[in-house]
Amino acid sequence: MADEEDDDQEQDETPEPPQRVFTLTEAERARQELEPFLVEAMDSRKKLSGLDSELAAVSARIMMMGGVIVPYEKLAAVRVEHNRLAETLKSALNRILETGCLIKDLDVGLLDFPAVINQQEVYLCWKLGEDRIRFYHRQDEGFANRKPLDPRDLGPGDTIQ
């Protein structure tokens, strides 16, 4: 047991690798590659939420009614589907994060790519549904402070029709 604890302490002291910095071209290439994984993660999360609600409702019914007959086969099927979706979600999230990209909001599909503009660390910011990466914000700011990369581009409040 002592050896395992020593190993854990050594791992804790390992510094985190430096944050990857993307060029706009690299971020755009990664965005195109990651979009299907983002959609899959969002879909899996939404379905998991529905299954969690279903399981909670069954548990509540059992607790309230006491002697109710438990639908074991249905519950087993729901649990198998829940586990499958959880693995799909985990896999999709890992695929996105291993690129160095940051998931800022999984509900709306918001990704940030660390970058440097005019010697300032920023995030290139992209939201699912946007045709390309068109915005950035400082790393201490968020989505509401997005600025267009190209001044001729649409402002952050505008949406693509």
N, C-alpha and C. Protein backbone atom coordinates (compact mmCIF):
# COMPACT_ATOMS: atom_id res chain seq x y z
N MET A 1 0.81 -1.20 0.00
CA MET A 1 0.00 0.00 0.00
C MET A 1 0.85 1.26 0.00
N ALA A 2 1.95 1.25 0.73
CA ALA A 2 2.81 2.43 0.83
C ALA A 2 3.35 2.82 -0.54
N ASP A 3 3.68 1.82 -1.38
CA ASP A 3 4.20 2.12 -2.72
C ASP A 3 3.16 2.85 -3.55
N GLU A 4 1.89 2.44 -3.45
CA GLU A 4 0.83 3.09 -4.23
C GLU A 4 0.68 4.55 -3.82
N GLU A 5 0.78 4.82 -2.50
CA GLU A 5 0.65 6.20 -2.03
C GLU A 5 1.79 7.05 -2.56
N ASP A 6 3.02 6.49 -2.57
CA ASP A 6 4.17 7.23 -3.10
C ASP A 6 3.94 7.59 -4.56
N ASP A 7 3.40 6.63 -5.33
CA ASP A 7 3.13 6.87 -6.75
C ASP A 7 2.12 8.01 -6.92
N ASP A 8 1.09 8.02 -6.07
CA ASP A 8 0.08 9.08 -6.16
C ASP A 8 0.71 10.45 -5.89
N GLN A 9 1.60 10.52 -4.90
CA GLN A 9 2.23 11.79 -4.56
C GLN A 9 3.09 12.29 -5.73
N GLU A 10 3.80 11.38 -6.38
CA GLU A 10 4.64 11.78 -7.51
C GLU A 10 3.77 12.33 -8.64
N GLN A 11 2.63 11.69 -8.88
CA GLN A 11 1.76 12.15 -9.95
C GLN A 11 1.19 13.53 -9.64
N ASP A 12 0.89 13.79 -8.36
CA ASP A 12 0.33 15.08 -7.97
C ASP A 12 1.32 16.21 -8.22
N GLU A 13 2.61 15.91 -8.15
CA GLU A 13 3.63 16.95 -8.32
C GLU A 13 3.95 17.20 -9.79
N THR A 14 3.45 16.37 -10.67
CA THR A 14 3.72 16.55 -12.09
C THR A 14 3.00 17.81 -12.58
N PRO A 15 3.75 18.76 -13.15
CA PRO A 15 3.07 19.98 -13.62
C PRO A 15 2.17 19.67 -14.81
N GLU A 16 1.10 20.45 -14.93
CA GLU A 16 0.21 20.28 -16.08
C GLU A 16 0.95 20.70 -17.33
N PRO A 17 0.68 20.01 -18.45
CA PRO A 17 1.33 20.43 -19.68
C PRO A 17 0.87 21.84 -20.05
N PRO A 18 1.72 22.60 -20.74
CA PRO A 18 1.30 23.96 -21.11
C PRO A 18 0.07 23.92 -22.03
N GLN A 19 -0.75 24.95 -21.90
CA GLN A 19 -1.96 25.05 -22.72
C GLN A 19 -1.58 25.18 -24.19
N ARG A 20 -2.23 24.42 -25.04
CA ARG A 20 -1.98 24.52 -26.46
C ARG A 20 -2.46 25.87 -26.96
N VAL A 21 -1.72 26.46 -27.88
CA VAL A 21 -2.11 27.72 -28.49
C VAL A 21 -2.38 27.43 -29.97
N PHE A 22 -3.56 27.82 -30.43
CA PHE A 22 -4.00 27.57 -31.81
C PHE A 22 -3.78 28.79 -32.68
N THR A 23 -3.44 28.57 -33.94
CA THR A 23 -3.57 29.62 -34.94
C THR A 23 -5.03 29.56 -35.39
N LEU A 24 -5.51 30.58 -36.08
CA LEU A 24 -6.88 30.55 -36.58
C LEU A 24 -7.08 29.36 -37.52
N THR A 25 -6.12 29.09 -38.37
CA THR A 25 -6.22 27.96 -39.30
C THR A 25 -6.31 26.63 -38.55
N GLU A 26 -5.46 26.46 -37.53
CA GLU A 26 -5.49 25.22 -36.74
C GLU A 26 -6.82 25.09 -35.99
N ALA A 27 -7.30 26.19 -35.43
CA ALA A 27 -8.56 26.17 -34.69
C ALA A 27 -9.72 25.83 -35.63
N GLU A 28 -9.71 26.41 -36.81
CA GLU A 28 -10.79 26.14 -37.77
C GLU A 28 -10.76 24.67 -38.21
N ARG A 29 -9.56 24.15 -38.45
CA ARG A 29 -9.44 22.73 -38.83
C ARG A 29 -9.95 21.84 -37.69
N ALA A 30 -9.56 22.16 -36.46
CA ALA A 30 -10.01 21.39 -35.29
C ALA A 30 -11.52 21.51 -35.12
N ARG A 31 -12.06 22.71 -35.33
CA ARG A 31 -13.50 22.92 -35.19
C ARG A 31 -14.26 22.01 -36.14
N GLN A 32 -13.83 21.97 -37.39
CA GLN A 32 -14.51 21.13 -38.39
C GLN A 32 -14.43 19.66 -38.00
N GLU A 33 -13.29 19.26 -37.47
CA GLU A 33 -13.09 17.87 -37.06
C GLU A 33 -13.93 17.53 -35.83
N LEU A 34 -14.06 18.48 -34.91
CA LEU A 34 -14.71 18.23 -33.63
C LEU A 34 -16.22 18.43 -33.64
N GLU A 35 -16.75 19.12 -34.62
CA GLU A 35 -18.18 19.41 -34.63
C GLU A 35 -19.05 18.16 -34.47
N PRO A 36 -18.78 17.05 -35.20
CA PRO A 36 -19.62 15.86 -35.00
C PRO A 36 -19.53 15.30 -33.57
N PHE A 37 -18.35 15.40 -32.95
CA PHE A 37 -18.20 14.92 -31.57
C PHE A 37 -18.97 15.82 -30.61
N LEU A 38 -18.99 17.12 -30.88
CA LEU A 38 -19.74 18.05 -30.05
C LEU A 38 -21.23 17.75 -30.14
N VAL A 39 -21.73 17.54 -31.35
CA VAL A 39 -23.15 17.22 -31.55
C VAL A 39 -23.49 15.91 -30.83
N GLU A 40 -22.61 14.92 -30.94
CA GLU A 40 -22.83 13.63 -30.28
C GLU A 40 -22.85 13.80 -28.76
N ALA A 41 -21.94 14.60 -28.22
CA ALA A 41 -21.89 14.84 -26.77
C ALA A 41 -23.17 15.54 -26.30
N MET A 42 -23.59 16.55 -27.05
CA MET A 42 -24.80 17.29 -26.68
C MET A 42 -26.02 16.39 -26.71
N ASP A 43 -26.13 15.56 -27.75
CA ASP A 43 -27.25 14.64 -27.90
C ASP A 43 -27.25 13.60 -26.77
N SER A 44 -26.08 13.03 -26.48
CA SER A 44 -25.98 12.03 -25.41
C SER A 44 -26.35 12.63 -24.07
N ARG A 45 -25.88 13.85 -23.82
CA ARG A 45 -26.18 14.50 -22.54
C ARG A 45 -27.69 14.74 -22.39
N LYS A 46 -28.32 15.17 -23.47
CA LYS A 46 -29.77 15.43 -23.44
C LYS A 46 -30.54 14.13 -23.18
N LYS A 47 -30.14 13.06 -23.86
CA LYS A 47 -30.82 11.77 -23.66
C LYS A 47 -30.56 11.23 -22.25
N LEU A 48 -29.34 11.41 -21.74
CA LEU A 48 -29.03 10.98 -20.37
C LEU A 48 -29.91 11.70 -19.36
N SER A 49 -30.13 12.97 -19.58
CA SER A 49 -30.97 13.75 -18.68
C SER A 49 -32.38 13.17 -18.65
N GLY A 50 -32.90 12.80 -19.82
CA GLY A 50 -34.23 12.19 -19.89
C GLY A 50 -34.29 10.86 -19.17
N LEU A 51 -33.24 10.04 -19.32
CA LEU A 51 -33.21 8.74 -18.63
C LEU A 51 -33.08 8.93 -17.12
N ASP A 52 -32.29 9.93 -16.70
CA ASP A 52 -32.17 10.21 -15.26
C ASP A 52 -33.54 10.57 -14.68
N SER A 53 -34.30 11.37 -15.43
CA SER A 53 -35.64 11.76 -14.96
C SER A 53 -36.55 10.54 -14.87
N GLU A 54 -36.45 9.66 -15.87
CA GLU A 54 -37.26 8.44 -15.89
C GLU A 54 -36.92 7.55 -14.70
N LEU A 55 -35.63 7.37 -14.43
CA LEU A 55 -35.21 6.55 -13.29
C LEU A 55 -35.65 7.16 -11.96
N ALA A 56 -35.56 8.48 -11.86
CA ALA A 56 -35.97 9.17 -10.63
C ALA A 56 -37.48 9.01 -10.41
N ALA A 57 -38.25 9.07 -11.49
CA ALA A 57 -39.71 8.92 -11.37
C ALA A 57 -40.07 7.51 -10.91
N VAL A 58 -39.40 6.50 -11.43
CA VAL A 58 -39.65 5.11 -11.01
C VAL A 58 -39.29 4.95 -9.54
N SER A 59 -38.14 5.49 -9.13
CA SER A 59 -37.72 5.40 -7.72
C SER A 59 -38.74 6.07 -6.82
N ALA A 60 -39.22 7.23 -7.22
CA ALA A 60 -40.21 7.96 -6.41
C ALA A 60 -41.50 7.14 -6.28
N ARG A 61 -41.95 6.53 -7.40
CA ARG A 61 -43.17 5.71 -7.36
C ARG A 61 -43.00 4.53 -6.40
N ILE A 62 -41.85 3.88 -6.47
CA ILE A 62 -41.59 2.72 -5.61
C ILE A 62 -41.61 3.15 -4.15
N MET A 63 -40.96 4.26 -3.84
CA MET A 63 -40.91 4.74 -2.45
C MET A 63 -42.30 5.14 -1.94
N MET A 64 -43.09 5.77 -2.79
CA MET A 64 -44.40 6.27 -2.36
C MET A 64 -45.42 5.14 -2.22
N MET A 65 -45.32 4.15 -3.10
CA MET A 65 -46.34 3.10 -3.11
C MET A 65 -45.91 1.86 -2.33
N GLY A 66 -44.66 1.79 -1.96
CA GLY A 66 -44.20 0.68 -1.14
C GLY A 66 -44.23 -0.66 -1.85
N GLY A 67 -45.39 -1.27 -1.99
CA GLY A 67 -45.50 -2.64 -2.51
C GLY A 67 -45.66 -2.73 -4.01
N VAL A 68 -45.32 -1.70 -4.73
CA VAL A 68 -45.50 -1.71 -6.18
C VAL A 68 -44.58 -2.76 -6.81
N ILE A 69 -45.03 -3.35 -7.88
CA ILE A 69 -44.22 -4.32 -8.61
C ILE A 69 -43.17 -3.56 -9.41
N VAL A 70 -41.92 -3.88 -9.18
CA VAL A 70 -40.82 -3.19 -9.85
C VAL A 70 -40.64 -3.76 -11.26
N PRO A 71 -40.66 -2.89 -12.27
CA PRO A 71 -40.47 -3.36 -13.67
C PRO A 71 -38.98 -3.60 -13.96
N TYR A 72 -38.48 -4.75 -13.44
CA TYR A 72 -37.04 -5.02 -13.52
C TYR A 72 -36.50 -5.02 -14.94
N GLU A 73 -37.22 -5.65 -15.86
CA GLU A 73 -36.71 -5.73 -17.25
C GLU A 73 -36.59 -4.34 -17.87
N LYS A 74 -37.62 -3.52 -17.65
CA LYS A 74 -37.57 -2.16 -18.20
C LYS A 74 -36.45 -1.36 -17.55
N LEU A 75 -36.31 -1.49 -16.24
CA LEU A 75 -35.24 -0.77 -15.54
C LEU A 75 -33.86 -1.23 -16.00
N ALA A 76 -33.71 -2.51 -16.23
CA ALA A 76 -32.42 -3.03 -16.70
C ALA A 76 -32.10 -2.45 -18.08
N ALA A 77 -33.11 -2.38 -18.94
CA ALA A 77 -32.90 -1.83 -20.29
C ALA A 77 -32.53 -0.34 -20.21
N VAL A 78 -33.20 0.38 -19.33
CA VAL A 78 -32.91 1.81 -19.16
C VAL A 78 -31.49 1.98 -18.63
N ARG A 79 -31.09 1.14 -17.68
CA ARG A 79 -29.75 1.23 -17.08
C ARG A 79 -28.69 0.93 -18.15
N VAL A 80 -28.91 -0.07 -19.00
CA VAL A 80 -27.96 -0.40 -20.07
C VAL A 80 -27.83 0.79 -21.03
N GLU A 81 -28.97 1.37 -21.41
CA GLU A 81 -28.95 2.53 -22.31
C GLU A 81 -28.25 3.71 -21.64
N HIS A 82 -28.50 3.90 -20.35
CA HIS A 82 -27.86 4.97 -19.59
C HIS A 82 -26.34 4.80 -19.62
N ASN A 83 -25.87 3.59 -19.37
CA ASN A 83 -24.42 3.32 -19.37
C ASN A 83 -23.82 3.54 -20.76
N ARG A 84 -24.55 3.13 -21.80
CA ARG A 84 -24.06 3.31 -23.17
C ARG A 84 -23.93 4.80 -23.50
N LEU A 85 -24.95 5.56 -23.15
CA LEU A 85 -24.92 7.00 -23.41
C LEU A 85 -23.83 7.70 -22.60
N ALA A 86 -23.63 7.27 -21.36
CA ALA A 86 -22.59 7.87 -20.52
C ALA A 86 -21.21 7.62 -21.14
N GLU A 87 -20.98 6.43 -21.67
CA GLU A 87 -19.71 6.11 -22.32
C GLU A 87 -19.53 6.93 -23.61
N THR A 88 -20.60 7.06 -24.38
CA THR A 88 -20.56 7.85 -25.61
C THR A 88 -20.23 9.30 -25.28
N LEU A 89 -20.88 9.84 -24.26
CA LEU A 89 -20.63 11.23 -23.84
C LEU A 89 -19.18 11.40 -23.40
N LYS A 90 -18.71 10.50 -22.55
CA LYS A 90 -17.33 10.58 -22.05
C LYS A 90 -16.33 10.52 -23.20
N SER A 91 -16.55 9.62 -24.13
CA SER A 91 -15.66 9.45 -25.28
C SER A 91 -15.63 10.72 -26.14
N ALA A 92 -16.81 11.28 -26.42
CA ALA A 92 -16.90 12.49 -27.25
C ALA A 92 -16.22 13.67 -26.55
N LEU A 93 -16.45 13.82 -25.24
CA LEU A 93 -15.83 14.92 -24.49
C LEU A 93 -14.31 14.77 -24.47
N ASN A 94 -13.83 13.55 -24.24
CA ASN A 94 -12.38 13.32 -24.24
C ASN A 94 -11.77 13.65 -25.59
N ARG A 95 -12.46 13.28 -26.66
CA ARG A 95 -11.96 13.55 -28.02
C ARG A 95 -11.82 15.05 -28.25
N ILE A 96 -12.78 15.82 -27.74
CA ILE A 96 -12.73 17.28 -27.89
C ILE A 96 -11.60 17.86 -27.04
N LEU A 97 -11.54 17.46 -25.77
CA LEU A 97 -10.59 18.05 -24.83
C LEU A 97 -9.14 17.69 -25.15
N GLU A 98 -8.91 16.51 -25.73
CA GLU A 98 -7.52 16.10 -26.01
C GLU A 98 -6.87 16.96 -27.08
N THR A 99 -7.65 17.73 -27.82
CA THR A 99 -7.07 18.63 -28.83
C THR A 99 -6.50 19.90 -28.20
N GLY A 100 -6.92 20.20 -26.96
CA GLY A 100 -6.51 21.46 -26.33
C GLY A 100 -7.61 22.50 -26.38
N CYS A 101 -8.69 22.16 -27.04
CA CYS A 101 -9.87 23.03 -27.12
C CYS A 101 -10.62 22.96 -25.79
N LEU A 102 -11.33 24.02 -25.43
CA LEU A 102 -12.08 24.07 -24.18
C LEU A 102 -13.58 24.06 -24.47
N ILE A 103 -14.31 23.25 -23.73
CA ILE A 103 -15.78 23.22 -23.85
C ILE A 103 -16.30 24.22 -22.83
N LYS A 104 -16.93 25.30 -23.31
CA LYS A 104 -17.41 26.35 -22.41
C LYS A 104 -18.87 26.16 -22.03
N ASP A 105 -19.68 25.62 -22.95
CA ASP A 105 -21.10 25.42 -22.65
C ASP A 105 -21.61 24.28 -23.53
N LEU A 106 -21.88 23.15 -22.89
CA LEU A 106 -22.32 21.98 -23.65
C LEU A 106 -23.79 22.08 -24.05
N ASP A 107 -24.57 22.91 -23.35
CA ASP A 107 -25.98 23.06 -23.71
C ASP A 107 -26.15 23.73 -25.07
N VAL A 108 -25.31 24.73 -25.36
CA VAL A 108 -25.44 25.46 -26.63
C VAL A 108 -24.34 25.09 -27.63
N GLY A 109 -23.35 24.31 -27.19
CA GLY A 109 -22.27 23.90 -28.09
C GLY A 109 -21.24 25.00 -28.28
N LEU A 110 -20.69 25.50 -27.17
CA LEU A 110 -19.75 26.61 -27.21
C LEU A 110 -18.34 26.10 -26.94
N LEU A 111 -17.43 26.34 -27.90
CA LEU A 111 -16.04 25.92 -27.78
C LEU A 111 -15.12 27.13 -27.85
N ASP A 112 -14.04 27.10 -27.06
CA ASP A 112 -13.01 28.13 -27.09
C ASP A 112 -11.67 27.48 -27.43
N PHE A 113 -10.89 28.17 -28.25
CA PHE A 113 -9.57 27.70 -28.65
C PHE A 113 -8.55 28.73 -28.19
N PRO A 114 -7.64 28.37 -27.26
CA PRO A 114 -6.63 29.33 -26.80
C PRO A 114 -5.78 29.82 -27.98
N ALA A 115 -5.54 31.12 -28.03
CA ALA A 115 -4.78 31.72 -29.12
C ALA A 115 -4.10 32.99 -28.60
N VAL A 116 -3.29 33.59 -29.45
CA VAL A 116 -2.64 34.86 -29.12
C VAL A 116 -2.92 35.84 -30.25
N ILE A 117 -3.45 37.01 -29.89
CA ILE A 117 -3.70 38.08 -30.86
C ILE A 117 -3.04 39.33 -30.30
N ASN A 118 -2.16 39.95 -31.07
CA ASN A 118 -1.45 41.16 -30.62
C ASN A 118 -0.79 40.95 -29.26
N GLN A 119 -0.07 39.87 -29.10
CA GLN A 119 0.63 39.50 -27.87
C GLN A 119 -0.29 39.34 -26.65
N GLN A 120 -1.58 39.18 -26.89
CA GLN A 120 -2.53 39.00 -25.79
C GLN A 120 -3.15 37.60 -25.89
N GLU A 121 -3.17 36.88 -24.75
CA GLU A 121 -3.79 35.56 -24.72
C GLU A 121 -5.30 35.74 -24.81
N VAL A 122 -5.90 35.08 -25.78
CA VAL A 122 -7.34 35.19 -26.02
C VAL A 122 -7.90 33.78 -26.27
N TYR A 123 -9.22 33.72 -26.41
CA TYR A 123 -9.89 32.51 -26.88
C TYR A 123 -10.56 32.82 -28.20
N LEU A 124 -10.27 32.01 -29.20
CA LEU A 124 -11.07 32.03 -30.42
C LEU A 124 -12.36 31.31 -30.06
N CYS A 125 -13.48 31.94 -30.30
CA CYS A 125 -14.76 31.48 -29.76
C CYS A 125 -15.69 31.05 -30.89
N TRP A 126 -16.25 29.84 -30.77
CA TRP A 126 -17.17 29.33 -31.78
C TRP A 126 -18.35 28.64 -31.11
N LYS A 127 -19.52 28.91 -31.67
CA LYS A 127 -20.76 28.32 -31.16
C LYS A 127 -21.39 27.49 -32.27
N LEU A 128 -21.87 26.30 -31.92
CA LEU A 128 -22.53 25.42 -32.88
C LEU A 128 -23.59 26.20 -33.66
N GLY A 129 -23.56 26.06 -34.97
CA GLY A 129 -24.49 26.79 -35.83
C GLY A 129 -23.81 27.92 -36.57
N GLU A 130 -22.66 28.40 -36.05
CA GLU A 130 -21.90 29.42 -36.76
C GLU A 130 -21.08 28.74 -37.85
N ASP A 131 -20.97 29.41 -39.00
CA ASP A 131 -20.34 28.78 -40.16
C ASP A 131 -18.83 28.61 -40.03
N ARG A 132 -18.20 29.42 -39.17
CA ARG A 132 -16.76 29.35 -38.97
C ARG A 132 -16.42 30.12 -37.69
N ILE A 133 -15.17 30.07 -37.29
CA ILE A 133 -14.72 30.85 -36.13
C ILE A 133 -14.59 32.30 -36.58
N ARG A 134 -15.43 33.16 -36.02
CA ARG A 134 -15.44 34.57 -36.42
C ARG A 134 -15.19 35.52 -35.26
N PHE A 135 -15.12 34.98 -34.03
CA PHE A 135 -15.04 35.83 -32.85
C PHE A 135 -13.94 35.40 -31.91
N TYR A 136 -13.55 36.31 -31.04
CA TYR A 136 -12.59 36.02 -29.98
C TYR A 136 -12.96 36.86 -28.77
N HIS A 137 -12.40 36.49 -27.63
CA HIS A 137 -12.52 37.32 -26.43
C HIS A 137 -11.30 37.07 -25.55
N ARG A 138 -10.99 38.03 -24.69
CA ARG A 138 -9.87 37.84 -23.76
C ARG A 138 -10.16 36.64 -22.88
N GLN A 139 -9.12 36.05 -22.33
CA GLN A 139 -9.30 34.84 -21.51
C GLN A 139 -10.00 35.14 -20.19
N ASP A 140 -10.01 36.40 -19.76
CA ASP A 140 -10.73 36.74 -18.53
C ASP A 140 -12.15 37.24 -18.82
N GLU A 141 -12.56 37.14 -20.08
CA GLU A 141 -13.92 37.53 -20.49
C GLU A 141 -14.67 36.28 -20.94
N GLY A 142 -15.92 36.47 -21.27
CA GLY A 142 -16.73 35.36 -21.73
C GLY A 142 -17.44 35.66 -23.03
N PHE A 143 -18.42 34.82 -23.35
CA PHE A 143 -19.18 34.88 -24.59
C PHE A 143 -19.76 36.28 -24.85
N ALA A 144 -20.25 36.91 -23.80
CA ALA A 144 -20.90 38.23 -23.95
C ALA A 144 -19.94 39.30 -24.46
N ASN A 145 -18.64 39.08 -24.29
CA ASN A 145 -17.64 40.08 -24.70
C ASN A 145 -16.94 39.70 -26.01
N ARG A 146 -17.57 38.83 -26.80
CA ARG A 146 -16.94 38.43 -28.05
C ARG A 146 -16.80 39.63 -28.99
N LYS A 147 -15.68 39.63 -29.69
CA LYS A 147 -15.41 40.67 -30.69
C LYS A 147 -15.14 39.97 -32.02
N PRO A 148 -15.53 40.59 -33.13
CA PRO A 148 -15.28 39.95 -34.42
C PRO A 148 -13.78 39.95 -34.76
N LEU A 149 -13.30 38.86 -35.31
CA LEU A 149 -11.91 38.79 -35.78
C LEU A 149 -11.69 39.76 -36.93
N ASP A 150 -12.70 39.88 -37.77
CA ASP A 150 -12.66 40.79 -38.92
C ASP A 150 -13.67 41.89 -38.65
N PRO A 151 -13.24 43.15 -38.60
CA PRO A 151 -14.18 44.24 -38.28
C PRO A 151 -15.35 44.33 -39.24
N ARG A 152 -15.19 43.79 -40.46
CA ARG A 152 -16.31 43.82 -41.42
C ARG A 152 -17.33 42.72 -41.14
N ASP A 153 -16.99 41.79 -40.22
CA ASP A 153 -17.87 40.68 -39.91
C ASP A 153 -19.06 41.17 -39.06
N LEU A 154 -20.03 40.30 -38.88
CA LEU A 154 -21.19 40.62 -38.06
C LEU A 154 -20.77 40.82 -36.61
N GLY A 155 -21.50 41.63 -35.90
CA GLY A 155 -21.24 41.82 -34.47
C GLY A 155 -21.68 40.60 -33.69
N PRO A 156 -21.25 40.47 -32.42
CA PRO A 156 -21.56 39.28 -31.62
C PRO A 156 -23.06 39.07 -31.39
N GLY A 157 -23.86 40.12 -31.45
CA GLY A 157 -25.30 39.95 -31.23
C GLY A 157 -26.02 39.47 -32.48
N ASP A 158 -25.38 39.58 -33.63
CA ASP A 158 -26.00 39.18 -34.88
C ASP A 158 -25.91 37.68 -35.06
N THR A 159 -26.86 37.12 -35.74
CA THR A 159 -26.82 35.68 -36.03
C THR A 159 -26.82 35.49 -37.53
N ILE A 160 -26.30 34.36 -37.92
CA ILE A 160 -26.28 34.03 -39.35
C ILE A 160 -27.65 33.52 -39.73
N GLN A 161 -28.20 34.05 -40.78
CA GLN A 161 -29.52 33.63 -41.23
C GLN A 161 -29.42 32.47 -42.19
